[in-house]
C-alpha atoms as a PDB file:
ATOM      1  CA  MET A   1      -2.723   5.038 -22.670  1.00  0.00           C
ATOM      2  CA  PRO A   2      -5.788   5.874 -20.525  1.00  0.00           C
ATOM      3  CA  SER A   3      -5.584   8.934 -18.313  1.00  0.00           C
ATOM      4  CA  LEU A   4      -4.628   8.402 -14.704  1.00  0.00           C
ATOM      5  CA  ASP A   5      -7.600   7.700 -12.428  1.00  0.00           C
ATOM      6  CA  SER A   6      -8.875  10.919 -10.890  1.00  0.00           C
ATOM      7  CA  TYR A   7      -8.404   9.679  -7.322  1.00  0.00           C
ATOM      8  CA  LYS A   8      -4.747   8.916  -8.074  1.00  0.00           C
ATOM      9  CA  THR A   9      -4.202  12.360  -9.584  1.00  0.00           C
ATOM     10  CA  GLN A  10      -5.866  14.014  -6.603  1.00  0.00           C
ATOM     11  CA  LEU A  11      -3.802  11.971  -4.158  1.00  0.00           C
ATOM     12  CA  LEU A  12      -0.514  12.744  -5.912  1.00  0.00           C
ATOM     13  CA  GLU A  13      -1.299  16.449  -6.083  1.00  0.00           C
ATOM     14  CA  GLN A  14      -2.127  16.572  -2.386  1.00  0.00           C
ATOM     15  CA  ALA A  15       0.892  14.445  -1.451  1.00  0.00           C
ATOM     16  CA  ALA A  16       3.149  16.878  -3.298  1.00  0.00           C
ATOM     17  CA  ARG A  17       1.391  19.816  -1.620  1.00  0.00           C
ATOM     18  CA  VAL A  18       2.100  18.577   1.919  1.00  0.00           C
ATOM     19  CA  GLY A  19       5.624  17.398   1.079  1.00  0.00           C
ATOM     20  CA  ALA A  20       4.860  13.680   1.374  1.00  0.00           C
ATOM     21  CA  LEU A  21       5.973  13.227  -2.245  1.00  0.00           C
ATOM     22  CA  LYS A  22       9.291  14.849  -3.065  1.00  0.00           C
ATOM     23  CA  PHE A  23      11.497  14.800  -6.120  1.00  0.00           C
ATOM     24  CA  GLY A  24      15.253  15.250  -5.983  1.00  0.00           C
ATOM     25  CA  ASN A  25      18.135  13.049  -4.865  1.00  0.00           C
ATOM     26  CA  PHE A  26      17.500  10.731  -1.917  1.00  0.00           C
ATOM     27  CA  THR A  27      19.416   7.835  -0.401  1.00  0.00           C
ATOM     28  CA  LEU A  28      17.202   4.890   0.525  1.00  0.00           C
ATOM     29  CA  LYS A  29      17.834   2.352   3.298  1.00  0.00           C
ATOM     30  CA  SER A  30      19.042   0.005   0.588  1.00  0.00           C
ATOM     31  CA  GLY A  31      21.740   2.516  -0.333  1.00  0.00           C
ATOM     32  CA  ARG A  32      20.184   3.240  -3.721  1.00  0.00           C
ATOM     33  CA  LYS A  33      20.024   6.813  -4.935  1.00  0.00           C
ATOM     34  CA  SER A  34      16.375   7.531  -5.697  1.00  0.00           C
ATOM     35  CA  PRO A  35      14.982  10.490  -7.690  1.00  0.00           C
ATOM     36  CA  TYR A  36      11.883  10.565  -5.486  1.00  0.00           C
ATOM     37  CA  PHE A  37      10.844   9.914  -1.904  1.00  0.00           C
ATOM     38  CA  PHE A  38       7.436   9.200  -0.401  1.00  0.00           C
ATOM     39  CA  ASN A  39       6.820   9.832   3.313  1.00  0.00           C
ATOM     40  CA  ALA A  40       3.280   8.788   4.222  1.00  0.00           C
ATOM     41  CA  GLY A  41       3.741  10.154   7.735  1.00  0.00           C
ATOM     42  CA  LEU A  42       3.412  13.698   6.376  1.00  0.00           C
ATOM     43  CA  MET A  43      -0.114  13.066   5.113  1.00  0.00           C
ATOM     44  CA  SER A  44      -1.567  14.218   8.389  1.00  0.00           C
ATOM     45  CA  ASP A  45      -4.267  16.793   7.690  1.00  0.00           C
ATOM     46  CA  GLY A  46      -7.940  15.950   7.339  1.00  0.00           C
ATOM     47  CA  THR A  47      -8.180  16.743   3.637  1.00  0.00           C
ATOM     48  CA  ILE A  48      -5.427  14.439   2.459  1.00  0.00           C
ATOM     49  CA  LEU A  49      -6.278  11.718   4.982  1.00  0.00           C
ATOM     50  CA  TYR A  50      -9.795  11.600   3.541  1.00  0.00           C
ATOM     51  CA  THR A  51      -8.357  11.434   0.024  1.00  0.00           C
ATOM     52  CA  VAL A  52      -6.029   8.610   1.075  1.00  0.00           C
ATOM     53  CA  ALA A  53      -8.909   6.667   2.634  1.00  0.00           C
ATOM     54  CA  GLN A  54     -11.009   7.125  -0.511  1.00  0.00           C
ATOM     55  CA  ALA A  55      -8.100   5.843  -2.597  1.00  0.00           C
ATOM     56  CA  TYR A  56      -7.600   2.780  -0.399  1.00  0.00           C
ATOM     57  CA  ALA A  57     -11.328   2.025  -0.492  1.00  0.00           C
ATOM     58  CA  ALA A  58     -11.452   2.429  -4.280  1.00  0.00           C
ATOM     59  CA  THR A  59      -8.458   0.101  -4.633  1.00  0.00           C
ATOM     60  CA  LEU A  60     -10.049  -2.516  -2.372  1.00  0.00           C
ATOM     61  CA  CYS A  61     -13.358  -2.416  -4.229  1.00  0.00           C
ATOM     62  CA  ALA A  62     -11.643  -2.591  -7.619  1.00  0.00           C
ATOM     63  CA  ALA A  63      -9.672  -5.607  -6.394  1.00  0.00           C
ATOM     64  CA  ALA A  64     -12.888  -7.205  -5.134  1.00  0.00           C
ATOM     65  CA  SER A  65     -14.320  -7.195  -8.654  1.00  0.00           C
ATOM     66  CA  ASP A  66     -11.117  -8.526 -10.231  1.00  0.00           C
ATOM     67  CA  ASP A  67     -11.473 -12.054 -11.621  1.00  0.00           C
ATOM     68  CA  ASP A  68      -7.735 -12.511 -12.219  1.00  0.00           C
ATOM     69  CA  ASP A  69      -6.914 -13.711  -8.715  1.00  0.00           C
ATOM     70  CA  ASP A  70      -5.380 -17.199  -8.613  1.00  0.00           C
ATOM     71  CA  SER A  71      -7.506 -18.414  -5.692  1.00  0.00           C
ATOM     72  CA  MET A  72     -11.011 -19.841  -5.879  1.00  0.00           C
ATOM     73  CA  VAL A  73     -12.325 -17.008  -3.696  1.00  0.00           C
ATOM     74  CA  ASN A  74     -11.224 -13.446  -4.379  1.00  0.00           C
ATOM     75  CA  PRO A  75      -9.723 -12.406  -1.009  1.00  0.00           C
ATOM     76  CA  PHE A  76     -10.748  -8.785  -1.421  1.00  0.00           C
ATOM     77  CA  SER A  77     -14.413  -9.629  -1.943  1.00  0.00           C
ATOM     78  CA  ASP A  78     -14.651 -11.749   1.181  1.00  0.00           C
ATOM     79  CA  PHE A  79     -12.714 -10.473   4.208  1.00  0.00           C
ATOM     80  CA  ASP A  80     -13.690  -9.587   7.754  1.00  0.00           C
ATOM     81  CA  ILE A  81     -11.035  -7.269   9.188  1.00  0.00           C
ATOM     82  CA  LEU A  82      -8.810  -4.434   7.996  1.00  0.00           C
ATOM     83  CA  PHE A  83      -5.619  -4.573  10.044  1.00  0.00           C
ATOM     84  CA  GLY A  84      -3.431  -1.487  10.460  1.00  0.00           C
ATOM     85  CA  PRO A  85       0.082  -2.202  11.757  1.00  0.00           C
ATOM     86  CA  ALA A  86       1.324   0.317  14.318  1.00  0.00           C
ATOM     87  CA  TYR A  87       1.797   3.125  13.903  1.00  0.00           C
ATOM     88  CA  LYS A  88       1.076   4.508  10.435  1.00  0.00           C
ATOM     89  CA  GLY A  89      -1.321   1.737   9.528  1.00  0.00           C
ATOM     90  CA  ILE A  90      -3.708   2.502  12.390  1.00  0.00           C
ATOM     91  CA  SER A  91      -5.207   5.688  10.959  1.00  0.00           C
ATOM     92  CA  LEU A  92      -5.145   4.241   7.437  1.00  0.00           C
ATOM     93  CA  ALA A  93      -7.209   1.209   8.450  1.00  0.00           C
ATOM     94  CA  ALA A  94      -9.635   3.261  10.555  1.00  0.00           C
ATOM     95  CA  CYS A  95     -10.317   5.870   7.874  1.00  0.00           C
ATOM     96  CA  THR A  96     -10.573   3.279   5.113  1.00  0.00           C
ATOM     97  CA  SER A  97     -13.164   1.293   7.061  1.00  0.00           C
ATOM     98  CA  LEU A  98     -15.216   4.489   7.425  1.00  0.00           C
ATOM     99  CA  VAL A  99     -15.154   5.156   3.675  1.00  0.00           C
ATOM    100  CA  LEU A 100     -15.944   1.523   2.839  1.00  0.00           C
ATOM    101  CA  ALA A 101     -19.064   1.790   5.001  1.00  0.00           C
ATOM    102  CA  SER A 102     -20.191   5.289   4.029  1.00  0.00           C
ATOM    103  CA  THR A 103     -19.443   5.195   0.295  1.00  0.00           C
ATOM    104  CA  TYR A 104     -19.533   1.526  -0.685  1.00  0.00           C
ATOM    105  CA  GLY A 105     -21.857   0.017   1.922  1.00  0.00           C
ATOM    106  CA  ARG A 106     -19.209  -2.480   3.052  1.00  0.00           C
ATOM    107  CA  ASP A 107     -19.129  -2.806   6.821  1.00  0.00           C
ATOM    108  CA  VAL A 108     -15.820  -4.361   7.894  1.00  0.00           C
ATOM    109  CA  LYS A 109     -14.089  -4.297  11.246  1.00  0.00           C
ATOM    110  CA  PHE A 110     -10.694  -2.754  11.799  1.00  0.00           C
ATOM    111  CA  ALA A 111      -8.011  -3.732  14.269  1.00  0.00           C
ATOM    112  CA  TYR A 112      -4.428  -2.772  15.026  1.00  0.00           C
ATOM    113  CA  ASP A 113      -1.475  -3.727  17.183  1.00  0.00           C
ATOM    114  CA  ARG A 114       0.416  -1.905  19.886  1.00  0.00           C
ATOM    115  CA  LYS A 115       4.187  -1.702  19.946  1.00  0.00           C
ATOM    116  CA  GLU A 116       4.011  -2.201  23.710  1.00  0.00           C
ATOM    117  CA  VAL A 117       2.002  -4.966  25.380  1.00  0.00           C
ATOM    118  CA  LYS A 118      -0.677  -3.598  27.725  1.00  0.00           C
ATOM    119  CA  ASP A 119      -0.897  -5.368  31.098  1.00  0.00           C
ATOM    120  CA  HIS A 120      -4.165  -3.797  32.275  1.00  0.00           C
ATOM    121  CA  GLY A 121      -7.664  -3.270  30.885  1.00  0.00           C
ATOM    122  CA  GLU A 122      -8.224  -5.632  27.968  1.00  0.00           C
ATOM    123  CA  GLY A 123      -4.494  -6.388  27.928  1.00  0.00           C
ATOM    124  CA  GLY A 124      -2.447  -7.729  25.066  1.00  0.00           C
ATOM    125  CA  ASN A 125      -0.980  -5.913  22.092  1.00  0.00           C
ATOM    126  CA  VAL A 126      -3.901  -6.142  19.636  1.00  0.00           C
ATOM    127  CA  VAL A 127      -6.851  -3.731  19.749  1.00  0.00           C
ATOM    128  CA  GLY A 128     -10.207  -4.171  18.036  1.00  0.00           C
ATOM    129  CA  TRP A 129      -9.950  -7.888  17.410  1.00  0.00           C
ATOM    130  CA  PRO A 130     -13.471  -9.346  17.455  1.00  0.00           C
ATOM    131  CA  SER A 131     -14.604 -11.952  19.945  1.00  0.00           C
ATOM    132  CA  GLY A 132     -14.991 -15.536  18.853  1.00  0.00           C
ATOM    133  CA  ARG A 133     -11.481 -16.920  18.902  1.00  0.00           C
ATOM    134  CA  ASN A 134     -12.648 -20.145  17.269  1.00  0.00           C
ATOM    135  CA  GLN A 135     -13.607 -18.274  14.102  1.00  0.00           C
ATOM    136  CA  LYS A 136     -11.007 -18.007  11.346  1.00  0.00           C
ATOM    137  CA  TRP A 137     -11.183 -14.288  10.585  1.00  0.00           C
ATOM    138  CA  ARG A 138     -10.048 -13.281   7.096  1.00  0.00           C
ATOM    139  CA  VAL A 139      -7.771 -10.258   7.299  1.00  0.00           C
ATOM    140  CA  VAL A 140      -6.497  -7.650   4.838  1.00  0.00           C
ATOM    141  CA  ILE A 141      -3.467  -5.654   5.980  1.00  0.00           C
ATOM    142  CA  VAL A 142      -3.329  -1.942   5.158  1.00  0.00           C
ATOM    143  CA  ASP A 143       0.271  -0.744   4.770  1.00  0.00           C
ATOM    144  CA  ASP A 144       1.967   2.433   3.558  1.00  0.00           C
ATOM    145  CA  VAL A 145       5.181   1.827   1.571  1.00  0.00           C
ATOM    146  CA  MET A 146       6.749  -1.615   1.590  1.00  0.00           C
ATOM    147  CA  THR A 147      10.529  -1.835   1.549  1.00  0.00           C
ATOM    148  CA  THR A 148      11.846  -5.292   2.480  1.00  0.00           C
ATOM    149  CA  GLY A 149       8.448  -6.718   3.407  1.00  0.00           C
ATOM    150  CA  LEU A 150       9.751  -7.884   6.801  1.00  0.00           C
ATOM    151  CA  ALA A 151       7.306  -5.688   8.738  1.00  0.00           C
ATOM    152  CA  VAL A 152       4.334  -7.146   6.861  1.00  0.00           C
ATOM    153  CA  SER A 153       5.662 -10.668   7.389  1.00  0.00           C
ATOM    154  CA  SER A 154       5.757  -9.982  11.138  1.00  0.00           C
ATOM    155  CA  THR A 155       2.166  -8.741  11.011  1.00  0.00           C
ATOM    156  CA  ILE A 156       1.093 -11.921   9.205  1.00  0.00           C
ATOM    157  CA  LYS A 157       2.533 -13.961  12.081  1.00  0.00           C
ATOM    158  CA  LEU A 158       0.808 -11.703  14.632  1.00  0.00           C
ATOM    159  CA  VAL A 159      -2.555 -12.170  12.911  1.00  0.00           C
ATOM    160  CA  ALA A 160      -2.020 -15.946  12.855  1.00  0.00           C
ATOM    161  CA  ARG A 161      -1.406 -15.932  16.612  1.00  0.00           C
ATOM    162  CA  GLN A 162      -4.775 -14.201  17.008  1.00  0.00           C
ATOM    163  CA  GLY A 163      -6.423 -17.003  15.076  1.00  0.00           C
ATOM    164  CA  GLY A 164      -6.800 -15.031  11.851  1.00  0.00           C
ATOM    165  CA  GLU A 165      -5.560 -15.506   8.307  1.00  0.00           C
ATOM    166  CA  VAL A 166      -4.088 -12.747   6.164  1.00  0.00           C
ATOM    167  CA  VAL A 167      -5.666 -13.123   2.736  1.00  0.00           C
ATOM    168  CA  GLY A 168      -4.374  -9.912   1.170  1.00  0.00           C
ATOM    169  CA  VAL A 169      -2.385  -6.709   1.564  1.00  0.00           C
ATOM    170  CA  VAL A 170      -3.077  -3.225   0.233  1.00  0.00           C
ATOM    171  CA  GLN A 171      -0.173  -0.794   0.295  1.00  0.00           C
ATOM    172  CA  LEU A 172      -0.105   2.878  -0.536  1.00  0.00           C
ATOM    173  CA  LEU A 173       2.857   2.831  -2.919  1.00  0.00           C
ATOM    174  CA  ASP A 174       4.611   0.074  -4.833  1.00  0.00           C
ATOM    175  CA  ARG A 175       8.039   1.322  -5.905  1.00  0.00           C
ATOM    176  CA  GLU A 176       8.096  -1.466  -8.533  1.00  0.00           C
ATOM    177  CA  GLU A 177      11.788  -2.177  -8.065  1.00  0.00           C
ATOM    178  CA  PHE A 178      13.676  -5.368  -7.358  1.00  0.00           C
ATOM    179  CA  SER A 179      15.111  -6.192  -3.958  1.00  0.00           C
ATOM    180  CA  GLU A 180      17.166  -9.203  -5.030  1.00  0.00           C
ATOM    181  CA  ILE A 181      18.150 -11.435  -7.949  1.00  0.00           C
ATOM    182  CA  ASP A 182      16.993 -15.045  -7.693  1.00  0.00           C
ATOM    183  CA  GLU A 183      18.920 -18.192  -8.661  1.00  0.00           C
ATOM    184  CA  ARG A 184      17.582 -17.936 -12.222  1.00  0.00           C
ATOM    185  CA  GLY A 185      18.928 -14.421 -12.580  1.00  0.00           C
ATOM    186  CA  CYS A 186      15.453 -12.862 -12.436  1.00  0.00           C
ATOM    187  CA  LYS A 187      14.651  -9.631 -10.622  1.00  0.00           C
ATOM    188  CA  VAL A 188      12.442 -10.214  -7.580  1.00  0.00           C
ATOM    189  CA  SER A 189      10.616  -7.467  -5.687  1.00  0.00           C
ATOM    190  CA  SER A 190       9.366  -7.434  -2.101  1.00  0.00           C
ATOM    191  CA  VAL A 191       5.806  -7.547  -3.449  1.00  0.00           C
ATOM    192  CA  MET A 192       6.556 -10.665  -5.489  1.00  0.00           C
ATOM    193  CA  LYS A 193       8.070 -12.413  -2.440  1.00  0.00           C
ATOM    194  CA  LEU A 194       5.112 -11.457  -0.263  1.00  0.00           C
ATOM    195  CA  GLU A 195       2.610 -12.727  -2.834  1.00  0.00           C
ATOM    196  CA  THR A 196       4.444 -16.050  -2.854  1.00  0.00           C
ATOM    197  CA  LEU A 197       4.170 -16.156   0.942  1.00  0.00           C
ATOM    198  CA  LEU A 198       0.436 -15.423   0.747  1.00  0.00           C
ATOM    199  CA  GLY A 199      -0.165 -18.070  -1.873  1.00  0.00           C
ATOM    200  CA  GLY A 200      -0.393 -16.401  -5.256  1.00  0.00           C
ATOM    201  CA  LYS A 201      -0.262 -13.425  -7.567  1.00  0.00           C
ATOM    202  CA  GLY A 202      -2.805 -10.695  -6.908  1.00  0.00           C
ATOM    203  CA  LYS A 203      -2.746 -10.958  -3.111  1.00  0.00           C
ATOM    204  CA  VAL A 204      -0.885  -7.627  -2.803  1.00  0.00           C
ATOM    205  CA  ARG A 205      -2.537  -4.534  -4.271  1.00  0.00           C
ATOM    206  CA  SER A 206      -1.269  -0.966  -4.427  1.00  0.00           C
ATOM    207  CA  VAL A 207      -3.068   2.358  -4.426  1.00  0.00           C
ATOM    208  CA  LEU A 208      -0.179   3.884  -6.358  1.00  0.00           C
ATOM    209  CA  LYS A 209       2.712   2.450  -8.322  1.00  0.00           C
ATOM    210  CA  MET A 210       5.856   4.084  -9.588  1.00  0.00           C
ATOM    211  CA  ARG A 211       4.393   3.981 -13.093  1.00  0.00           C
ATOM    212  CA  ASP A 212       1.565   6.218 -11.810  1.00  0.00           C
ATOM    213  CA  LEU A 213       4.060   8.815 -10.604  1.00  0.00           C
ATOM    214  CA  VAL A 214       5.736   8.755 -14.019  1.00  0.00           C
ATOM    215  CA  GLN A 215       2.402   9.035 -15.835  1.00  0.00           C
ATOM    216  CA  TRP A 216       1.308  11.896 -13.572  1.00  0.00           C
ATOM    217  CA  LEU A 217       4.430  13.869 -14.497  1.00  0.00           C
ATOM    218  CA  GLU A 218       4.005  12.958 -18.171  1.00  0.00           C
ATOM    219  CA  GLU A 219       0.418  14.212 -18.178  1.00  0.00           C
ATOM    220  CA  LYS A 220       1.491  17.443 -16.507  1.00  0.00           C
ATOM    221  CA  GLU A 221       4.253  17.832 -19.088  1.00  0.00           C
ATOM    222  CA  ALA A 222       1.795  17.271 -21.953  1.00  0.00           C
ATOM    223  CA  GLN A 223      -0.359  20.055 -20.503  1.00  0.00           C
ATOM    224  CA  GLY A 224       2.637  22.364 -20.132  1.00  0.00           C
ATOM    225  CA  GLN A 225       2.326  22.382 -16.339  1.00  0.00           C
ATOM    226  CA  THR A 226       5.681  20.921 -15.286  1.00  0.00           C
ATOM    227  CA  THR A 227       8.498  22.928 -13.769  1.00  0.00           C
ATOM    228  CA  GLU A 228      12.077  22.458 -14.953  1.00  0.00           C
ATOM    229  CA  GLU A 229      12.764  20.482 -11.780  1.00  0.00           C
ATOM    230  CA  GLU A 230       9.839  18.168 -12.529  1.00  0.00           C
ATOM    231  CA  LYS A 231      11.094  17.647 -16.080  1.00  0.00           C
ATOM    232  CA  ARG A 232      14.500  16.640 -14.714  1.00  0.00           C
ATOM    233  CA  SER A 233      12.797  14.372 -12.192  1.00  0.00           C
ATOM    234  CA  LEU A 234      10.775  12.689 -14.932  1.00  0.00           C
ATOM    235  CA  ARG A 235      13.937  11.877 -16.874  1.00  0.00           C
ATOM    236  CA  ALA A 236      15.626  10.628 -13.704  1.00  0.00           C
ATOM    237  CA  MET A 237      12.666   8.411 -12.811  1.00  0.00           C
ATOM    238  CA  ARG A 238      12.662   6.810 -16.247  1.00  0.00           C
ATOM    239  CA  GLU A 239      16.383   6.087 -15.891  1.00  0.00           C
ATOM    240  CA  TYR A 240      15.882   4.708 -12.375  1.00  0.00           C
ATOM    241  CA  ARG A 241      13.087   2.450 -13.606  1.00  0.00           C
ATOM    242  CA  ASP A 242      15.296   1.127 -16.412  1.00  0.00           C
ATOM    243  CA  ILE A 243      17.968   0.129 -13.865  1.00  0.00           C
ATOM    244  CA  TYR A 244      15.948  -1.086 -10.885  1.00  0.00           C
ATOM    245  CA  GLY A 245      12.457  -1.730 -12.205  1.00  0.00           C
ATOM    246  CA  VAL A 246      10.702  -5.086 -12.283  1.00  0.00           C
ATOM    247  CA  PRO A 247       8.493  -6.216 -15.189  1.00  0.00           C
ATOM    248  CA  SER A 248       5.052  -4.614 -15.087  1.00  0.00           C
ATOM    249  CA  SER A 249       2.193  -6.911 -14.185  1.00  0.00           C
END
């Protein structure tokens, strides 16, 4: 197995440092007992925010060169706007657009929504949307950690009302676990449902996946750098994946 990408290793190390990534025993909204928890809201200092933006940009550019997308046009190679849903997505979209321009020479706009509609100034609840309402802007949503996918579905509708089309989503972490069992008895994740909504496999990309967290701990263990707690967490994550995981794509 190839080593974990350096930007993923750096991001995981920094996330653990600031407490955004924790191992232990956590109860999720679904009621499941999880051996790890990821809180993107704690990634709030300049160092880790820059690392996060670099990771998003690297993921977007890797997706742009991927020929496995089902559509005729790769959505990540041809989009106009990065959209950051309020509130966490705002800084993620802004910083990612900066890195795309400064590091990769890709100049894309970014926009975001407000939770509250503004009745003065430019008004409305969307900020940064370009002029030219007759143009069908192609939009990529930047999200943190998807749970049910309902929030992203709401954002897709919001973008459509603005006259845009969501062609892809990039999230920070894919937990790679099922949210329901379909009529055929197959495990279905929120990512799989969202890709169906967007029109095909490959429309949702992730900076990190659960498998990356497992590999990161495995690489640390191979180097003799894991604590006893991390060793227990690694075993627990493997067990959790066996119970709740979806097939790797």
